[in-house]
ModelCIF file with pLDDT and N, C-alpha, C, O atoms, coordinates in Angstrom:
data_MODEL
#
_entry.id   MODEL 
#
_entity.id                         1 
_entity.type                       polymer 
_entity.pdbx_number_of_molecules   1 
#
_entity_poly.entity_id                      1 
_entity_poly.type                           'polypeptide(L)' 
_entity_poly.nstd_linkage                   no 
_entity_poly.nstd_monomer                   no 
_entity_poly.pdbx_seq_one_letter_code       
;(UNK)(UNK)(UNK)(UNK)(UNK)(UNK)(UNK)(UNK)(UNK)(UNK)(UNK)(UNK)(UNK)(UNK)(UNK)(UNK)
(UNK)(UNK)(UNK)(UNK)(UNK)(UNK)(UNK)(UNK)(UNK)(UNK)(UNK)(UNK)(UNK)(UNK)(UNK)(UNK)
(UNK)(UNK)(UNK)(UNK)(UNK)(UNK)(UNK)(UNK)(UNK)(UNK)(UNK)(UNK)(UNK)
;
_entity_poly.pdbx_seq_one_letter_code_can   XXXXXXXXXXXXXXXXXXXXXXXXXXXXXXXXXXXXXXXXXXXXX 
_entity_poly.pdbx_strand_id                 A 
#
loop_
_entity_poly_seq.entity_id 
_entity_poly_seq.num 
_entity_poly_seq.mon_id 
_entity_poly_seq.hetero 
1 1  UNK n 
1 2  UNK n 
1 3  UNK n 
1 4  UNK n 
1 5  UNK n 
1 6  UNK n 
1 7  UNK n 
1 8  UNK n 
1 9  UNK n 
1 10 UNK n 
1 11 UNK n 
1 12 UNK n 
1 13 UNK n 
1 14 UNK n 
1 15 UNK n 
1 16 UNK n 
1 17 UNK n 
1 18 UNK n 
1 19 UNK n 
1 20 UNK n 
1 21 UNK n 
1 22 UNK n 
1 23 UNK n 
1 24 UNK n 
1 25 UNK n 
1 26 UNK n 
1 27 UNK n 
1 28 UNK n 
1 29 UNK n 
1 30 UNK n 
1 31 UNK n 
1 32 UNK n 
1 33 UNK n 
1 34 UNK n 
1 35 UNK n 
1 36 UNK n 
1 37 UNK n 
1 38 UNK n 
1 39 UNK n 
1 40 UNK n 
1 41 UNK n 
1 42 UNK n 
1 43 UNK n 
1 44 UNK n 
1 45 UNK n 
#
_struct_asym.id          A 
_struct_asym.entity_id   1 
#
loop_
_ma_qa_metric.id 
_ma_qa_metric.mode 
_ma_qa_metric.name 
_ma_qa_metric.software_group_id 
_ma_qa_metric.type 
1 global pLDDT . pLDDT 
2 local  pLDDT . pLDDT 
#
_ma_qa_metric_global.metric_id      1 
_ma_qa_metric_global.metric_value   73.51 
_ma_qa_metric_global.model_id       1 
_ma_qa_metric_global.ordinal_id     1 
#
loop_
_ma_qa_metric_local.label_asym_id 
_ma_qa_metric_local.label_comp_id 
_ma_qa_metric_local.label_seq_id 
_ma_qa_metric_local.metric_id 
_ma_qa_metric_local.metric_value 
_ma_qa_metric_local.model_id 
_ma_qa_metric_local.ordinal_id 
A UNK 1  2 37.00 1 1  
A UNK 2  2 35.00 1 2  
A UNK 3  2 32.00 1 3  
A UNK 4  2 35.00 1 4  
A UNK 5  2 31.00 1 5  
A UNK 6  2 32.00 1 6  
A UNK 7  2 36.00 1 7  
A UNK 8  2 41.00 1 8  
A UNK 9  2 46.00 1 9  
A UNK 10 2 50.00 1 10 
A UNK 11 2 50.00 1 11 
A UNK 12 2 50.00 1 12 
A UNK 13 2 53.00 1 13 
A UNK 14 2 60.00 1 14 
A UNK 15 2 61.00 1 15 
A UNK 16 2 61.00 1 16 
A UNK 17 2 60.00 1 17 
A UNK 18 2 59.00 1 18 
A UNK 19 2 62.00 1 19 
A UNK 20 2 69.00 1 20 
A UNK 21 2 82.00 1 21 
A UNK 22 2 85.00 1 22 
A UNK 23 2 90.00 1 23 
A UNK 24 2 90.00 1 24 
A UNK 25 2 90.00 1 25 
A UNK 26 2 93.00 1 26 
A UNK 27 2 93.00 1 27 
A UNK 28 2 94.00 1 28 
A UNK 29 2 94.00 1 29 
A UNK 30 2 95.00 1 30 
A UNK 31 2 95.00 1 31 
A UNK 32 2 95.00 1 32 
A UNK 33 2 94.00 1 33 
A UNK 34 2 95.00 1 34 
A UNK 35 2 94.00 1 35 
A UNK 36 2 95.00 1 36 
A UNK 37 2 97.00 1 37 
A UNK 38 2 97.00 1 38 
A UNK 39 2 96.00 1 39 
A UNK 40 2 97.00 1 40 
A UNK 41 2 97.00 1 41 
A UNK 42 2 98.00 1 42 
A UNK 43 2 97.00 1 43 
A UNK 44 2 97.00 1 44 
A UNK 45 2 98.00 1 45 
#
loop_
_atom_site.group_PDB 
_atom_site.id 
_atom_site.type_symbol 
_atom_site.label_atom_id 
_atom_site.label_alt_id 
_atom_site.label_comp_id 
_atom_site.label_asym_id 
_atom_site.label_entity_id 
_atom_site.label_seq_id 
_atom_site.pdbx_PDB_ins_code 
_atom_site.Cartn_x 
_atom_site.Cartn_y 
_atom_site.Cartn_z 
_atom_site.occupancy 
_atom_site.B_iso_or_equiv 
_atom_site.pdbx_formal_charge 
_atom_site.auth_seq_id 
_atom_site.auth_comp_id 
_atom_site.auth_asym_id 
_atom_site.auth_atom_id 
_atom_site.pdbx_PDB_model_num 
ATOM 1   N N  . UNK A 1 1  ? -36.872 -14.285 -26.379 1.00 37.00 ? 1  UNK A N  1 
ATOM 2   C CA . UNK A 1 1  ? -37.367 -13.103 -25.657 1.00 37.00 ? 1  UNK A CA 1 
ATOM 3   C C  . UNK A 1 1  ? -36.683 -13.041 -24.168 1.00 37.00 ? 1  UNK A C  1 
ATOM 4   O O  . UNK A 1 1  ? -36.607 -11.951 -23.600 1.00 37.00 ? 1  UNK A O  1 
ATOM 5   N N  . UNK A 1 2  ? -36.221 -14.152 -23.591 1.00 35.00 ? 2  UNK A N  1 
ATOM 6   C CA . UNK A 1 2  ? -35.605 -14.030 -22.518 1.00 35.00 ? 2  UNK A CA 1 
ATOM 7   C C  . UNK A 1 2  ? -34.318 -13.286 -22.757 1.00 35.00 ? 2  UNK A C  1 
ATOM 8   O O  . UNK A 1 2  ? -34.189 -12.291 -22.044 1.00 35.00 ? 2  UNK A O  1 
ATOM 9   N N  . UNK A 1 3  ? -33.360 -13.532 -23.573 1.00 32.00 ? 3  UNK A N  1 
ATOM 10  C CA . UNK A 1 3  ? -32.436 -12.797 -24.061 1.00 32.00 ? 3  UNK A CA 1 
ATOM 11  C C  . UNK A 1 3  ? -32.488 -11.444 -24.343 1.00 32.00 ? 3  UNK A C  1 
ATOM 12  O O  . UNK A 1 3  ? -31.635 -10.689 -23.879 1.00 32.00 ? 3  UNK A O  1 
ATOM 13  N N  . UNK A 1 4  ? -33.323 -11.074 -24.998 1.00 35.00 ? 4  UNK A N  1 
ATOM 14  C CA . UNK A 1 4  ? -33.898 -9.733  -25.259 1.00 35.00 ? 4  UNK A CA 1 
ATOM 15  C C  . UNK A 1 4  ? -34.037 -8.860  -23.719 1.00 35.00 ? 4  UNK A C  1 
ATOM 16  O O  . UNK A 1 4  ? -33.510 -7.785  -23.433 1.00 35.00 ? 4  UNK A O  1 
ATOM 17  N N  . UNK A 1 5  ? -34.749 -9.550  -23.039 1.00 31.00 ? 5  UNK A N  1 
ATOM 18  C CA . UNK A 1 5  ? -34.957 -8.994  -21.426 1.00 31.00 ? 5  UNK A CA 1 
ATOM 19  C C  . UNK A 1 5  ? -33.880 -8.742  -20.814 1.00 31.00 ? 5  UNK A C  1 
ATOM 20  O O  . UNK A 1 5  ? -33.841 -7.730  -20.115 1.00 31.00 ? 5  UNK A O  1 
ATOM 21  N N  . UNK A 1 6  ? -32.835 -9.521  -20.910 1.00 32.00 ? 6  UNK A N  1 
ATOM 22  C CA . UNK A 1 6  ? -31.747 -9.685  -20.149 1.00 32.00 ? 6  UNK A CA 1 
ATOM 23  C C  . UNK A 1 6  ? -30.716 -8.334  -21.015 1.00 32.00 ? 6  UNK A C  1 
ATOM 24  O O  . UNK A 1 6  ? -30.161 -7.461  -20.347 1.00 32.00 ? 6  UNK A O  1 
ATOM 25  N N  . UNK A 1 7  ? -30.632 -8.376  -22.272 1.00 36.00 ? 7  UNK A N  1 
ATOM 26  C CA . UNK A 1 7  ? -29.881 -7.200  -22.733 1.00 36.00 ? 7  UNK A CA 1 
ATOM 27  C C  . UNK A 1 7  ? -30.773 -5.893  -22.485 1.00 36.00 ? 7  UNK A C  1 
ATOM 28  O O  . UNK A 1 7  ? -30.233 -4.806  -22.286 1.00 36.00 ? 7  UNK A O  1 
ATOM 29  N N  . UNK A 1 8  ? -32.049 -6.036  -22.504 1.00 41.00 ? 8  UNK A N  1 
ATOM 30  C CA . UNK A 1 8  ? -32.675 -4.747  -22.755 1.00 41.00 ? 8  UNK A CA 1 
ATOM 31  C C  . UNK A 1 8  ? -32.490 -3.973  -21.354 1.00 41.00 ? 8  UNK A C  1 
ATOM 32  O O  . UNK A 1 8  ? -32.514 -2.747  -21.250 1.00 41.00 ? 8  UNK A O  1 
ATOM 33  N N  . UNK A 1 9  ? -32.322 -4.783  -20.407 1.00 46.00 ? 9  UNK A N  1 
ATOM 34  C CA . UNK A 1 9  ? -32.744 -4.362  -18.952 1.00 46.00 ? 9  UNK A CA 1 
ATOM 35  C C  . UNK A 1 9  ? -31.223 -3.485  -18.741 1.00 46.00 ? 9  UNK A C  1 
ATOM 36  O O  . UNK A 1 9  ? -30.221 -3.875  -19.340 1.00 46.00 ? 9  UNK A O  1 
ATOM 37  N N  . UNK A 1 10 ? -31.182 -2.301  -17.852 1.00 50.00 ? 10 UNK A N  1 
ATOM 38  C CA . UNK A 1 10 ? -29.829 -1.718  -17.512 1.00 50.00 ? 10 UNK A CA 1 
ATOM 39  C C  . UNK A 1 10 ? -29.268 -2.240  -16.627 1.00 50.00 ? 10 UNK A C  1 
ATOM 40  O O  . UNK A 1 10 ? -29.735 -2.622  -15.554 1.00 50.00 ? 10 UNK A O  1 
ATOM 41  N N  . UNK A 1 11 ? -28.152 -2.299  -17.035 1.00 50.00 ? 11 UNK A N  1 
ATOM 42  C CA . UNK A 1 11 ? -27.163 -3.057  -15.902 1.00 50.00 ? 11 UNK A CA 1 
ATOM 43  C C  . UNK A 1 11 ? -26.733 -2.212  -14.956 1.00 50.00 ? 11 UNK A C  1 
ATOM 44  O O  . UNK A 1 11 ? -26.466 -1.028  -15.163 1.00 50.00 ? 11 UNK A O  1 
ATOM 45  N N  . UNK A 1 12 ? -26.633 -2.907  -13.664 1.00 50.00 ? 12 UNK A N  1 
ATOM 46  C CA . UNK A 1 12 ? -26.373 -2.049  -12.714 1.00 50.00 ? 12 UNK A CA 1 
ATOM 47  C C  . UNK A 1 12 ? -25.061 -2.291  -12.003 1.00 50.00 ? 12 UNK A C  1 
ATOM 48  O O  . UNK A 1 12 ? -24.721 -3.374  -11.525 1.00 50.00 ? 12 UNK A O  1 
ATOM 49  N N  . UNK A 1 13 ? -24.411 -1.258  -11.985 1.00 53.00 ? 13 UNK A N  1 
ATOM 50  C CA . UNK A 1 13 ? -22.839 -1.081  -11.957 1.00 53.00 ? 13 UNK A CA 1 
ATOM 51  C C  . UNK A 1 13 ? -22.610 -1.684  -10.444 1.00 53.00 ? 13 UNK A C  1 
ATOM 52  O O  . UNK A 1 13 ? -23.358 -1.399  -9.508  1.00 53.00 ? 13 UNK A O  1 
ATOM 53  N N  . UNK A 1 14 ? -21.589 -2.469  -10.343 1.00 60.00 ? 14 UNK A N  1 
ATOM 54  C CA . UNK A 1 14 ? -21.030 -2.838  -9.138  1.00 60.00 ? 14 UNK A CA 1 
ATOM 55  C C  . UNK A 1 14 ? -20.014 -1.573  -8.460  1.00 60.00 ? 14 UNK A C  1 
ATOM 56  O O  . UNK A 1 14 ? -18.966 -1.171  -8.965  1.00 60.00 ? 14 UNK A O  1 
ATOM 57  N N  . UNK A 1 15 ? -20.535 -1.168  -7.401  1.00 61.00 ? 15 UNK A N  1 
ATOM 58  C CA . UNK A 1 15 ? -19.657 -0.172  -6.835  1.00 61.00 ? 15 UNK A CA 1 
ATOM 59  C C  . UNK A 1 15 ? -18.693 -1.171  -5.513  1.00 61.00 ? 15 UNK A C  1 
ATOM 60  O O  . UNK A 1 15 ? -19.113 -1.973  -4.679  1.00 61.00 ? 15 UNK A O  1 
ATOM 61  N N  . UNK A 1 16 ? -17.581 -0.782  -5.746  1.00 61.00 ? 16 UNK A N  1 
ATOM 62  C CA . UNK A 1 16 ? -16.779 -1.353  -4.878  1.00 61.00 ? 16 UNK A CA 1 
ATOM 63  C C  . UNK A 1 16 ? -16.706 -0.727  -3.354  1.00 61.00 ? 16 UNK A C  1 
ATOM 64  O O  . UNK A 1 16 ? -16.554 0.480   -3.165  1.00 61.00 ? 16 UNK A O  1 
ATOM 65  N N  . UNK A 1 17 ? -16.835 -1.711  -2.265  1.00 60.00 ? 17 UNK A N  1 
ATOM 66  C CA . UNK A 1 17 ? -16.727 -0.843  -1.194  1.00 60.00 ? 17 UNK A CA 1 
ATOM 67  C C  . UNK A 1 17 ? -15.407 -0.102  -0.831  1.00 60.00 ? 17 UNK A C  1 
ATOM 68  O O  . UNK A 1 17 ? -14.264 -0.542  -0.952  1.00 60.00 ? 17 UNK A O  1 
ATOM 69  N N  . UNK A 1 18 ? -15.761 1.000   -0.404  1.00 59.00 ? 18 UNK A N  1 
ATOM 70  C CA . UNK A 1 18 ? -14.479 1.816   0.006   1.00 59.00 ? 18 UNK A CA 1 
ATOM 71  C C  . UNK A 1 18 ? -13.627 1.113   0.714   1.00 59.00 ? 18 UNK A C  1 
ATOM 72  O O  . UNK A 1 18 ? -13.997 0.349   1.606   1.00 59.00 ? 18 UNK A O  1 
ATOM 73  N N  . UNK A 1 19 ? -12.590 1.269   0.441   1.00 62.00 ? 19 UNK A N  1 
ATOM 74  C CA . UNK A 1 19 ? -11.469 0.410   1.231   1.00 62.00 ? 19 UNK A CA 1 
ATOM 75  C C  . UNK A 1 19 ? -10.778 1.372   2.156   1.00 62.00 ? 19 UNK A C  1 
ATOM 76  O O  . UNK A 1 19 ? -10.369 2.483   1.822   1.00 62.00 ? 19 UNK A O  1 
ATOM 77  N N  . UNK A 1 20 ? -10.692 0.855   3.307   1.00 69.00 ? 20 UNK A N  1 
ATOM 78  C CA . UNK A 1 20 ? -10.191 1.475   4.671   1.00 69.00 ? 20 UNK A CA 1 
ATOM 79  C C  . UNK A 1 20 ? -9.016  2.400   4.250   1.00 69.00 ? 20 UNK A C  1 
ATOM 80  O O  . UNK A 1 20 ? -8.093  2.060   3.509   1.00 69.00 ? 20 UNK A O  1 
ATOM 81  N N  . UNK A 1 21 ? -9.180  3.625   4.830   1.00 82.00 ? 21 UNK A N  1 
ATOM 82  C CA . UNK A 1 21 ? -7.913  4.465   4.585   1.00 82.00 ? 21 UNK A CA 1 
ATOM 83  C C  . UNK A 1 21 ? -6.577  3.807   5.207   1.00 82.00 ? 21 UNK A C  1 
ATOM 84  O O  . UNK A 1 21 ? -6.631  3.051   6.176   1.00 82.00 ? 21 UNK A O  1 
ATOM 85  N N  . UNK A 1 22 ? -5.550  4.111   4.657   1.00 85.00 ? 22 UNK A N  1 
ATOM 86  C CA . UNK A 1 22 ? -4.221  3.456   5.200   1.00 85.00 ? 22 UNK A CA 1 
ATOM 87  C C  . UNK A 1 22 ? -3.786  4.095   6.358   1.00 85.00 ? 22 UNK A C  1 
ATOM 88  O O  . UNK A 1 22 ? -3.811  5.325   6.406   1.00 85.00 ? 22 UNK A O  1 
ATOM 89  N N  . UNK A 1 23 ? -3.416  3.471   7.241   1.00 90.00 ? 23 UNK A N  1 
ATOM 90  C CA . UNK A 1 23 ? -3.019  4.366   8.633   1.00 90.00 ? 23 UNK A CA 1 
ATOM 91  C C  . UNK A 1 23 ? -1.420  4.183   8.628   1.00 90.00 ? 23 UNK A C  1 
ATOM 92  O O  . UNK A 1 23 ? -1.045  3.011   8.582   1.00 90.00 ? 23 UNK A O  1 
ATOM 93  N N  . UNK A 1 24 ? -0.503  5.100   8.667   1.00 90.00 ? 24 UNK A N  1 
ATOM 94  C CA . UNK A 1 24 ? 0.591   4.895   8.964   1.00 90.00 ? 24 UNK A CA 1 
ATOM 95  C C  . UNK A 1 24 ? 1.234   4.540   10.394  1.00 90.00 ? 24 UNK A C  1 
ATOM 96  O O  . UNK A 1 24 ? 0.706   5.136   11.333  1.00 90.00 ? 24 UNK A O  1 
ATOM 97  N N  . UNK A 1 25 ? 2.074   3.845   10.649  1.00 90.00 ? 25 UNK A N  1 
ATOM 98  C CA . UNK A 1 25 ? 2.236   3.580   12.499  1.00 90.00 ? 25 UNK A CA 1 
ATOM 99  C C  . UNK A 1 25 ? 3.052   4.895   12.677  1.00 90.00 ? 25 UNK A C  1 
ATOM 100 O O  . UNK A 1 25 ? 3.533   5.464   11.696  1.00 90.00 ? 25 UNK A O  1 
ATOM 101 N N  . UNK A 1 26 ? 3.216   5.420   14.082  1.00 93.00 ? 26 UNK A N  1 
ATOM 102 C CA . UNK A 1 26 ? 3.686   6.079   14.672  1.00 93.00 ? 26 UNK A CA 1 
ATOM 103 C C  . UNK A 1 26 ? 5.303   5.997   14.453  1.00 93.00 ? 26 UNK A C  1 
ATOM 104 O O  . UNK A 1 26 ? 5.803   4.880   14.588  1.00 93.00 ? 26 UNK A O  1 
ATOM 105 N N  . UNK A 1 27 ? 6.158   7.090   14.126  1.00 93.00 ? 27 UNK A N  1 
ATOM 106 C CA . UNK A 1 27 ? 7.312   6.971   13.876  1.00 93.00 ? 27 UNK A CA 1 
ATOM 107 C C  . UNK A 1 27 ? 8.157   6.544   15.184  1.00 93.00 ? 27 UNK A C  1 
ATOM 108 O O  . UNK A 1 27 ? 8.084   7.234   16.201  1.00 93.00 ? 27 UNK A O  1 
ATOM 109 N N  . UNK A 1 28 ? 8.962   5.383   15.126  1.00 94.00 ? 28 UNK A N  1 
ATOM 110 C CA . UNK A 1 28 ? 9.858   5.120   15.997  1.00 94.00 ? 28 UNK A CA 1 
ATOM 111 C C  . UNK A 1 28 ? 11.437  5.354   15.717  1.00 94.00 ? 28 UNK A C  1 
ATOM 112 O O  . UNK A 1 28 ? 12.058  4.483   15.107  1.00 94.00 ? 28 UNK A O  1 
ATOM 113 N N  . UNK A 1 29 ? 11.994  6.370   16.103  1.00 94.00 ? 29 UNK A N  1 
ATOM 114 C CA . UNK A 1 29 ? 13.303  6.724   15.535  1.00 94.00 ? 29 UNK A CA 1 
ATOM 115 C C  . UNK A 1 29 ? 14.544  6.388   16.022  1.00 94.00 ? 29 UNK A C  1 
ATOM 116 O O  . UNK A 1 29 ? 14.763  6.610   17.213  1.00 94.00 ? 29 UNK A O  1 
ATOM 117 N N  . UNK A 1 30 ? 15.606  5.775   15.171  1.00 95.00 ? 30 UNK A N  1 
ATOM 118 C CA . UNK A 1 30 ? 16.836  5.509   15.925  1.00 95.00 ? 30 UNK A CA 1 
ATOM 119 C C  . UNK A 1 30 ? 17.617  6.055   15.001  1.00 95.00 ? 30 UNK A C  1 
ATOM 120 O O  . UNK A 1 30 ? 17.211  6.200   13.848  1.00 95.00 ? 30 UNK A O  1 
ATOM 121 N N  . UNK A 1 31 ? 19.076  6.502   15.462  1.00 95.00 ? 31 UNK A N  1 
ATOM 122 C CA . UNK A 1 31 ? 19.928  7.455   14.639  1.00 95.00 ? 31 UNK A CA 1 
ATOM 123 C C  . UNK A 1 31 ? 21.162  6.607   14.984  1.00 95.00 ? 31 UNK A C  1 
ATOM 124 O O  . UNK A 1 31 ? 21.492  6.020   16.015  1.00 95.00 ? 31 UNK A O  1 
ATOM 125 N N  . UNK A 1 32 ? 21.821  6.759   13.583  1.00 95.00 ? 32 UNK A N  1 
ATOM 126 C CA . UNK A 1 32 ? 23.147  6.081   13.480  1.00 95.00 ? 32 UNK A CA 1 
ATOM 127 C C  . UNK A 1 32 ? 23.979  7.046   12.880  1.00 95.00 ? 32 UNK A C  1 
ATOM 128 O O  . UNK A 1 32 ? 23.507  7.873   12.100  1.00 95.00 ? 32 UNK A O  1 
ATOM 129 N N  . UNK A 1 33 ? 25.086  7.018   13.149  1.00 94.00 ? 33 UNK A N  1 
ATOM 130 C CA . UNK A 1 33 ? 26.472  7.771   12.124  1.00 94.00 ? 33 UNK A CA 1 
ATOM 131 C C  . UNK A 1 33 ? 27.119  6.558   11.072  1.00 94.00 ? 33 UNK A C  1 
ATOM 132 O O  . UNK A 1 33 ? 28.010  5.823   11.499  1.00 94.00 ? 33 UNK A O  1 
ATOM 133 N N  . UNK A 1 34 ? 26.752  6.455   10.082  1.00 95.00 ? 34 UNK A N  1 
ATOM 134 C CA . UNK A 1 34 ? 26.680  5.145   9.205   1.00 95.00 ? 34 UNK A CA 1 
ATOM 135 C C  . UNK A 1 34 ? 28.269  5.520   9.098   1.00 95.00 ? 34 UNK A C  1 
ATOM 136 O O  . UNK A 1 34 ? 29.079  4.926   9.810   1.00 95.00 ? 34 UNK A O  1 
ATOM 137 N N  . UNK A 1 35 ? 28.618  6.384   8.308   1.00 94.00 ? 35 UNK A N  1 
ATOM 138 C CA . UNK A 1 35 ? 29.922  6.510   7.778   1.00 94.00 ? 35 UNK A CA 1 
ATOM 139 C C  . UNK A 1 35 ? 31.067  6.351   8.892   1.00 94.00 ? 35 UNK A C  1 
ATOM 140 O O  . UNK A 1 35 ? 32.106  5.712   8.728   1.00 94.00 ? 35 UNK A O  1 
ATOM 141 N N  . UNK A 1 36 ? 30.744  6.952   9.903   1.00 95.00 ? 36 UNK A N  1 
ATOM 142 C CA . UNK A 1 36 ? 31.591  6.542   11.295  1.00 95.00 ? 36 UNK A CA 1 
ATOM 143 C C  . UNK A 1 36 ? 31.873  5.194   11.706  1.00 95.00 ? 36 UNK A C  1 
ATOM 144 O O  . UNK A 1 36 ? 33.024  4.857   11.981  1.00 95.00 ? 36 UNK A O  1 
ATOM 145 N N  . UNK A 1 37 ? 30.923  4.416   11.766  1.00 97.00 ? 37 UNK A N  1 
ATOM 146 C CA . UNK A 1 37 ? 31.029  3.084   11.838  1.00 97.00 ? 37 UNK A CA 1 
ATOM 147 C C  . UNK A 1 37 ? 31.684  2.076   10.715  1.00 97.00 ? 37 UNK A C  1 
ATOM 148 O O  . UNK A 1 37 ? 32.152  0.953   10.899  1.00 97.00 ? 37 UNK A O  1 
ATOM 149 N N  . UNK A 1 38 ? 31.560  2.898   9.377   1.00 97.00 ? 38 UNK A N  1 
ATOM 150 C CA . UNK A 1 38 ? 32.077  2.003   8.266   1.00 97.00 ? 38 UNK A CA 1 
ATOM 151 C C  . UNK A 1 38 ? 33.439  2.388   8.565   1.00 97.00 ? 38 UNK A C  1 
ATOM 152 O O  . UNK A 1 38 ? 34.221  1.438   8.525   1.00 97.00 ? 38 UNK A O  1 
ATOM 153 N N  . UNK A 1 39 ? 33.991  3.606   8.878   1.00 96.00 ? 39 UNK A N  1 
ATOM 154 C CA . UNK A 1 39 ? 35.619  3.950   8.994   1.00 96.00 ? 39 UNK A CA 1 
ATOM 155 C C  . UNK A 1 39 ? 36.161  3.600   10.091  1.00 96.00 ? 39 UNK A C  1 
ATOM 156 O O  . UNK A 1 39 ? 37.392  3.585   10.081  1.00 96.00 ? 39 UNK A O  1 
ATOM 157 N N  . UNK A 1 40 ? 35.505  3.236   11.288  1.00 97.00 ? 40 UNK A N  1 
ATOM 158 C CA . UNK A 1 40 ? 36.065  2.966   12.717  1.00 97.00 ? 40 UNK A CA 1 
ATOM 159 C C  . UNK A 1 40 ? 36.100  1.482   12.828  1.00 97.00 ? 40 UNK A C  1 
ATOM 160 O O  . UNK A 1 40 ? 36.890  0.914   13.583  1.00 97.00 ? 40 UNK A O  1 
ATOM 161 N N  . UNK A 1 41 ? 35.214  0.832   12.049  1.00 97.00 ? 41 UNK A N  1 
ATOM 162 C CA . UNK A 1 41 ? 34.812  -0.592  12.413  1.00 97.00 ? 41 UNK A CA 1 
ATOM 163 C C  . UNK A 1 41 ? 36.415  -1.291  12.083  1.00 97.00 ? 41 UNK A C  1 
ATOM 164 O O  . UNK A 1 41 ? 37.313  -0.806  11.395  1.00 97.00 ? 41 UNK A O  1 
ATOM 165 N N  . UNK A 1 42 ? 36.396  -2.495  12.783  1.00 98.00 ? 42 UNK A N  1 
ATOM 166 C CA . UNK A 1 42 ? 37.431  -3.290  12.589  1.00 98.00 ? 42 UNK A CA 1 
ATOM 167 C C  . UNK A 1 42 ? 37.660  -3.420  10.844  1.00 98.00 ? 42 UNK A C  1 
ATOM 168 O O  . UNK A 1 42 ? 38.660  -3.014  10.252  1.00 98.00 ? 42 UNK A O  1 
ATOM 169 N N  . UNK A 1 43 ? 36.675  -3.975  10.320  1.00 97.00 ? 43 UNK A N  1 
ATOM 170 C CA . UNK A 1 43 ? 36.893  -4.208  9.030   1.00 97.00 ? 43 UNK A CA 1 
ATOM 171 C C  . UNK A 1 43 ? 37.470  -2.772  8.345   1.00 97.00 ? 43 UNK A C  1 
ATOM 172 O O  . UNK A 1 43 ? 38.527  -2.685  7.719   1.00 97.00 ? 43 UNK A O  1 
ATOM 173 N N  . UNK A 1 44 ? 36.710  -1.882  8.562   1.00 97.00 ? 44 UNK A N  1 
ATOM 174 C CA . UNK A 1 44 ? 36.915  -0.420  7.863   1.00 97.00 ? 44 UNK A CA 1 
ATOM 175 C C  . UNK A 1 44 ? 38.338  -0.164  8.164   1.00 97.00 ? 44 UNK A C  1 
ATOM 176 O O  . UNK A 1 44 ? 38.995  0.242   7.206   1.00 97.00 ? 44 UNK A O  1 
ATOM 177 N N  . UNK A 1 45 ? 38.949  -0.312  9.271   1.00 98.00 ? 45 UNK A N  1 
ATOM 178 C CA . UNK A 1 45 ? 40.595  -0.102  9.616   1.00 98.00 ? 45 UNK A CA 1 
ATOM 179 C C  . UNK A 1 45 ? 41.263  -0.985  9.152   1.00 98.00 ? 45 UNK A C  1 
ATOM 180 O O  . UNK A 1 45 ? 42.484  -0.984  9.311   1.00 98.00 ? 45 UNK A O  1 
#
């Protein structure tokens, strides 16, 4: 009887808590002339 009651009762879905929206950091930019460094570096020369 107990097993029947457990099976017969409608299951309650476990709704996961909404995850916090991902926030990207503000861009902090640096600029490099990559090929120039490769070409003009001591090793490149």
